[in-house]
N, C-alpha and C. Protein backbone atom coordinates (compact mmCIF):
# COMPACT_ATOMS: atom_id res chain seq x y z
N MET A 1 139.56 5.11 105.49
CA MET A 1 140.47 5.93 104.73
C MET A 1 139.74 6.56 103.55
N LEU A 2 138.95 5.76 102.83
CA LEU A 2 138.21 6.27 101.68
C LEU A 2 137.18 7.30 102.12
N LEU A 3 136.50 7.00 103.22
CA LEU A 3 135.49 7.92 103.72
C LEU A 3 136.12 9.24 104.15
N SER A 4 137.27 9.18 104.78
CA SER A 4 137.92 10.42 105.21
C SER A 4 138.38 11.25 104.02
N SER A 5 138.87 10.60 102.97
CA SER A 5 139.28 11.36 101.79
C SER A 5 138.07 11.96 101.08
N MET A 6 136.94 11.25 101.08
CA MET A 6 135.73 11.80 100.49
C MET A 6 135.23 13.00 101.29
N LEU A 7 135.32 12.90 102.61
CA LEU A 7 134.89 14.02 103.44
C LEU A 7 135.81 15.22 103.27
N LEU A 8 137.10 14.97 103.09
CA LEU A 8 138.03 16.07 102.86
C LEU A 8 137.73 16.77 101.54
N GLN A 9 137.39 15.98 100.52
CA GLN A 9 137.04 16.57 99.22
C GLN A 9 135.76 17.39 99.32
N ALA A 10 134.79 16.87 100.07
CA ALA A 10 133.54 17.60 100.24
C ALA A 10 133.76 18.89 101.01
N ALA A 11 134.65 18.85 101.99
CA ALA A 11 134.93 20.05 102.78
C ALA A 11 135.73 21.07 101.97
N ALA A 12 136.49 20.60 101.01
CA ALA A 12 137.31 21.50 100.20
C ALA A 12 136.50 22.18 99.10
N GLY A 13 135.25 21.85 98.99
CA GLY A 13 134.39 22.50 98.01
C GLY A 13 134.05 21.63 96.82
N ALA A 14 134.66 20.48 96.68
CA ALA A 14 134.34 19.59 95.58
C ALA A 14 133.01 18.90 95.88
N ALA A 15 132.19 18.81 94.89
CA ALA A 15 130.90 18.15 95.08
C ALA A 15 131.11 16.66 95.29
N LEU A 16 130.28 16.08 96.11
CA LEU A 16 130.41 14.65 96.40
C LEU A 16 130.12 13.82 95.15
N GLY A 17 129.32 14.36 94.24
CA GLY A 17 129.05 13.66 92.99
C GLY A 17 130.29 13.52 92.13
N LYS A 18 131.15 14.52 92.18
CA LYS A 18 132.39 14.44 91.41
C LYS A 18 133.31 13.36 91.96
N VAL A 19 133.36 13.27 93.26
CA VAL A 19 134.18 12.23 93.87
C VAL A 19 133.61 10.85 93.52
N GLY A 20 132.29 10.74 93.57
CA GLY A 20 131.65 9.48 93.22
C GLY A 20 131.87 9.11 91.75
N GLY A 21 131.83 10.11 90.88
CA GLY A 21 132.08 9.85 89.46
C GLY A 21 133.49 9.37 89.21
N ALA A 22 134.44 9.96 89.90
CA ALA A 22 135.84 9.55 89.75
C ALA A 22 136.05 8.13 90.28
N LEU A 23 135.44 7.84 91.43
CA LEU A 23 135.55 6.48 91.98
C LEU A 23 134.87 5.47 91.07
N GLY A 24 133.72 5.85 90.51
CA GLY A 24 133.02 4.94 89.61
C GLY A 24 133.82 4.63 88.36
N ALA A 25 134.50 5.63 87.81
CA ALA A 25 135.33 5.39 86.63
C ALA A 25 136.48 4.44 86.95
N GLY A 26 137.10 4.62 88.11
CA GLY A 26 138.19 3.73 88.50
C GLY A 26 137.73 2.31 88.73
N ILE A 27 136.62 2.15 89.40
CA ILE A 27 136.09 0.81 89.67
C ILE A 27 135.66 0.13 88.38
N THR A 28 135.11 0.90 87.44
CA THR A 28 134.71 0.34 86.15
C THR A 28 135.92 -0.18 85.39
N ALA A 29 137.00 0.57 85.38
CA ALA A 29 138.21 0.14 84.67
C ALA A 29 138.80 -1.13 85.31
N ILE A 30 138.80 -1.17 86.63
CA ILE A 30 139.32 -2.36 87.32
C ILE A 30 138.45 -3.57 87.03
N GLY A 31 137.13 -3.39 87.09
CA GLY A 31 136.22 -4.50 86.84
C GLY A 31 136.33 -5.03 85.42
N ALA A 32 136.46 -4.14 84.44
CA ALA A 32 136.60 -4.58 83.05
C ALA A 32 137.91 -5.34 82.86
N GLY A 33 138.98 -4.86 83.47
CA GLY A 33 140.26 -5.55 83.36
C GLY A 33 140.22 -6.95 83.96
N LEU A 34 139.58 -7.06 85.12
CA LEU A 34 139.45 -8.38 85.74
C LEU A 34 138.59 -9.31 84.89
N GLY A 35 137.50 -8.78 84.34
CA GLY A 35 136.61 -9.60 83.52
C GLY A 35 137.29 -10.11 82.26
N ILE A 36 138.00 -9.24 81.57
CA ILE A 36 138.68 -9.65 80.34
C ILE A 36 139.83 -10.61 80.67
N GLY A 37 140.50 -10.40 81.78
CA GLY A 37 141.55 -11.34 82.19
C GLY A 37 141.00 -12.72 82.47
N LYS A 38 139.84 -12.77 83.12
CA LYS A 38 139.21 -14.07 83.41
C LYS A 38 138.77 -14.76 82.12
N ILE A 39 138.25 -13.99 81.18
CA ILE A 39 137.84 -14.55 79.89
C ILE A 39 139.05 -15.13 79.16
N GLY A 40 140.14 -14.37 79.13
CA GLY A 40 141.34 -14.84 78.45
C GLY A 40 141.90 -16.11 79.07
N GLY A 41 141.94 -16.14 80.39
CA GLY A 41 142.45 -17.34 81.07
C GLY A 41 141.58 -18.56 80.83
N SER A 42 140.28 -18.36 80.89
CA SER A 42 139.37 -19.48 80.65
C SER A 42 139.44 -19.96 79.20
N ALA A 43 139.60 -19.03 78.28
CA ALA A 43 139.71 -19.42 76.87
C ALA A 43 140.99 -20.21 76.62
N MET A 44 142.08 -19.81 77.24
CA MET A 44 143.33 -20.55 77.06
C MET A 44 143.23 -21.96 77.63
N GLU A 45 142.55 -22.10 78.78
CA GLU A 45 142.34 -23.44 79.34
C GLU A 45 141.46 -24.28 78.42
N ALA A 46 140.44 -23.67 77.85
CA ALA A 46 139.55 -24.41 76.95
C ALA A 46 140.29 -24.84 75.68
N ILE A 47 141.14 -23.96 75.16
CA ILE A 47 141.90 -24.31 73.96
C ILE A 47 142.91 -25.42 74.27
N ALA A 48 143.47 -25.41 75.48
CA ALA A 48 144.41 -26.47 75.86
C ALA A 48 143.70 -27.82 75.97
N ARG A 49 142.43 -27.79 76.40
CA ARG A 49 141.68 -29.05 76.52
C ARG A 49 141.20 -29.57 75.18
N GLN A 50 140.77 -28.63 74.30
CA GLN A 50 140.24 -29.03 72.99
C GLN A 50 140.88 -28.18 71.90
N PRO A 51 142.07 -28.53 71.48
CA PRO A 51 142.76 -27.70 70.47
C PRO A 51 142.04 -27.64 69.13
N GLU A 52 141.22 -28.64 68.82
CA GLU A 52 140.54 -28.66 67.53
C GLU A 52 139.46 -27.58 67.42
N SER A 53 138.98 -27.06 68.54
CA SER A 53 137.96 -26.01 68.50
C SER A 53 138.53 -24.65 68.89
N ALA A 54 139.81 -24.47 68.63
CA ALA A 54 140.48 -23.23 69.04
C ALA A 54 139.91 -22.01 68.33
N SER A 55 139.57 -22.14 67.04
CA SER A 55 139.07 -20.97 66.31
C SER A 55 137.70 -20.53 66.83
N ASP A 56 136.83 -21.47 67.17
CA ASP A 56 135.52 -21.10 67.73
C ASP A 56 135.67 -20.45 69.10
N ILE A 57 136.53 -21.00 69.93
CA ILE A 57 136.74 -20.45 71.27
C ILE A 57 137.34 -19.05 71.17
N ARG A 58 138.31 -18.88 70.28
CA ARG A 58 138.96 -17.57 70.11
C ARG A 58 137.95 -16.53 69.63
N MET A 59 137.09 -16.91 68.67
CA MET A 59 136.10 -15.97 68.16
C MET A 59 135.12 -15.56 69.25
N ASN A 60 134.66 -16.52 70.04
CA ASN A 60 133.74 -16.20 71.14
C ASN A 60 134.43 -15.34 72.20
N MET A 61 135.70 -15.60 72.46
CA MET A 61 136.44 -14.81 73.44
C MET A 61 136.54 -13.36 72.99
N ILE A 62 136.83 -13.13 71.72
CA ILE A 62 136.96 -11.77 71.21
C ILE A 62 135.63 -11.04 71.25
N ILE A 63 134.55 -11.72 70.92
CA ILE A 63 133.22 -11.10 70.95
C ILE A 63 132.85 -10.71 72.37
N ILE A 64 133.05 -11.60 73.33
CA ILE A 64 132.70 -11.30 74.72
C ILE A 64 133.59 -10.18 75.27
N ALA A 65 134.87 -10.20 74.94
CA ALA A 65 135.77 -9.13 75.40
C ALA A 65 135.35 -7.78 74.82
N ALA A 66 134.91 -7.77 73.57
CA ALA A 66 134.45 -6.51 72.96
C ALA A 66 133.19 -6.01 73.64
N LEU A 67 132.29 -6.91 74.00
CA LEU A 67 131.07 -6.50 74.70
C LEU A 67 131.40 -5.93 76.08
N ILE A 68 132.34 -6.55 76.78
CA ILE A 68 132.73 -6.03 78.09
C ILE A 68 133.38 -4.66 77.95
N GLU A 69 134.22 -4.50 76.95
CA GLU A 69 134.86 -3.19 76.75
C GLU A 69 133.82 -2.13 76.40
N GLY A 70 132.81 -2.50 75.63
CA GLY A 70 131.76 -1.54 75.29
C GLY A 70 130.98 -1.09 76.50
N VAL A 71 130.63 -2.02 77.36
CA VAL A 71 129.90 -1.67 78.58
C VAL A 71 130.78 -0.83 79.50
N ALA A 72 132.05 -1.19 79.61
CA ALA A 72 132.96 -0.43 80.46
C ALA A 72 133.15 0.99 79.92
N LEU A 73 133.26 1.14 78.61
CA LEU A 73 133.40 2.47 78.03
C LEU A 73 132.15 3.31 78.30
N PHE A 74 130.99 2.70 78.16
CA PHE A 74 129.74 3.41 78.44
C PHE A 74 129.70 3.85 79.91
N ALA A 75 130.09 2.97 80.82
CA ALA A 75 130.08 3.31 82.24
C ALA A 75 131.06 4.43 82.56
N ILE A 76 132.23 4.40 81.94
CA ILE A 76 133.21 5.46 82.18
C ILE A 76 132.71 6.79 81.64
N VAL A 77 132.04 6.78 80.49
CA VAL A 77 131.48 8.02 79.95
C VAL A 77 130.42 8.57 80.89
N VAL A 78 129.59 7.71 81.43
CA VAL A 78 128.57 8.16 82.39
C VAL A 78 129.23 8.77 83.63
N CYS A 79 130.29 8.12 84.10
CA CYS A 79 131.00 8.66 85.29
C CYS A 79 131.65 10.00 84.97
N PHE A 80 132.21 10.15 83.79
CA PHE A 80 132.80 11.43 83.42
C PHE A 80 131.75 12.51 83.24
N LEU A 81 130.56 12.13 82.77
CA LEU A 81 129.48 13.10 82.70
C LEU A 81 129.05 13.56 84.08
N ALA A 82 129.18 12.68 85.06
CA ALA A 82 128.84 13.07 86.44
C ALA A 82 129.87 14.05 86.99
N LEU A 83 131.06 14.06 86.42
CA LEU A 83 132.10 15.00 86.87
C LEU A 83 131.83 16.42 86.40
N ARG A 84 131.01 16.58 85.37
CA ARG A 84 130.72 17.92 84.83
C ARG A 84 129.98 18.74 85.79
């Protein structure tokens, strides 16, 4: 299905790079969402096991989530540049 839609876009005059850039942006957003969700779930489990270290776990969770969002934003910008 994906291949047929890509071929239809290529036949309609859209460059295959533009289709790839759009797919890359979507996959990047999905991957970042899954990664941050996994971090949040793991942090909540860790806080439930050791409530006394909740502030350290929360701080590390926020730092890692910010790093993932930064990489995802960079990847989306690169994909949008490929759309130009």
